[in-house]
Amino acid sequence: MILLNRLQRARSVYFQMIEKQKKAHWKDFLDNITNIWTANQYTKAASKSSTILELRKGGQVAQREEEKADMLMDTFFP
């Protein structure tokens, strides 16, 4: 039991140190003014919208966004 507790504590410390290092690295990265545009590109990549292709269910076809939303709602929440 003592070994298990030591293992759990070591794992917790390990993951805490990883998070601490990630934050420190990101802060150092942003402190360099030349990286501001790179950081801006990182945020744009995550915010790009995607398009859901045409959906088919039984004999129904949904092409417009509203039709797709309705079909998804009906499928996941009947």
Protein backbone atom coordinates (compact mmCIF):
# COMPACT_ATOMS: atom_id res chain seq x y z
CA MET A 1 0.00 0.00 0.00
CA ILE A 2 2.86 2.38 0.79
CA LEU A 3 4.38 1.71 -2.62
CA LEU A 4 1.06 2.51 -4.31
CA ASN A 5 0.81 5.82 -2.42
CA ARG A 6 4.37 6.73 -3.41
CA LEU A 7 3.60 5.86 -7.02
CA GLN A 8 0.45 7.99 -7.05
CA ARG A 9 2.29 10.92 -5.47
CA ALA A 10 5.16 10.64 -7.96
CA ARG A 11 2.71 10.56 -10.84
CA SER A 12 0.89 13.61 -9.50
CA VAL A 13 4.14 15.56 -9.10
CA TYR A 14 5.25 14.49 -12.59
CA PHE A 15 2.09 15.82 -14.27
CA GLN A 16 2.13 19.01 -12.17
CA MET A 17 5.70 19.69 -13.31
CA ILE A 18 4.73 19.13 -16.95
CA GLU A 19 1.90 21.69 -16.63
CA LYS A 20 4.20 24.13 -14.85
CA GLN A 21 6.81 23.82 -17.61
CA LYS A 22 4.21 24.25 -20.37
CA LYS A 23 2.99 27.48 -18.77
CA ALA A 24 6.54 28.77 -18.30
CA HIS A 25 7.46 27.97 -21.89
CA TRP A 26 4.31 29.64 -23.26
CA LYS A 27 4.96 32.74 -21.13
CA ASP A 28 8.58 32.93 -22.35
CA PHE A 29 7.35 32.51 -25.92
CA LEU A 30 4.84 35.35 -25.59
CA ASP A 31 7.32 37.62 -23.79
CA ASN A 32 9.31 37.77 -27.03
CA ILE A 33 7.53 40.46 -29.07
CA THR A 34 8.55 38.88 -32.38
CA ASN A 35 6.43 35.81 -31.56
CA ILE A 36 3.16 37.72 -31.28
CA TRP A 37 2.22 37.06 -34.91
CA THR A 38 3.07 33.37 -34.58
CA ALA A 39 0.81 33.17 -31.53
CA ASN A 40 -1.90 34.91 -33.52
CA GLN A 41 -1.62 32.27 -36.24
CA TYR A 42 -1.96 29.51 -33.62
CA THR A 43 -5.25 30.97 -32.45
CA LYS A 44 -6.57 31.36 -35.98
CA ALA A 45 -5.88 27.72 -36.81
CA ALA A 46 -8.03 26.58 -33.91
CA SER A 47 -10.90 28.90 -34.71
CA LYS A 48 -11.38 28.06 -38.38
CA SER A 49 -14.89 26.90 -39.01
CA SER A 50 -15.57 23.62 -40.69
CA THR A 51 -18.40 22.63 -42.94
CA ILE A 52 -20.45 19.52 -42.41
CA LEU A 53 -20.98 17.70 -45.68
CA GLU A 54 -24.38 16.67 -46.93
CA LEU A 55 -26.13 14.34 -44.48
CA ARG A 56 -28.33 11.40 -45.36
CA LYS A 57 -30.70 9.49 -43.11
CA GLY A 58 -33.04 6.97 -44.62
CA GLY A 59 -34.47 8.70 -47.69
CA GLN A 60 -33.82 12.20 -46.33
CA VAL A 61 -30.99 14.43 -47.53
CA ALA A 62 -29.88 17.53 -45.59
CA GLN A 63 -27.91 20.11 -47.54
CA ARG A 64 -28.66 23.44 -45.85
CA GLU A 65 -27.21 24.18 -42.40
CA GLU A 66 -30.66 24.35 -40.79
CA GLU A 67 -31.61 20.96 -42.27
CA LYS A 68 -28.36 19.45 -41.02
CA ALA A 69 -28.93 20.85 -37.53
CA ASP A 70 -32.47 19.46 -37.46
CA MET A 71 -31.31 16.05 -38.67
CA LEU A 72 -28.55 15.89 -36.07
CA MET A 73 -30.92 16.94 -33.29
CA ASP A 74 -33.50 14.33 -34.35
CA THR A 75 -30.81 11.64 -34.54
CA PHE A 76 -29.06 12.34 -31.24
CA PHE A 77 -32.10 13.54 -29.29
CA PRO A 78 -35.19 11.73 -30.64
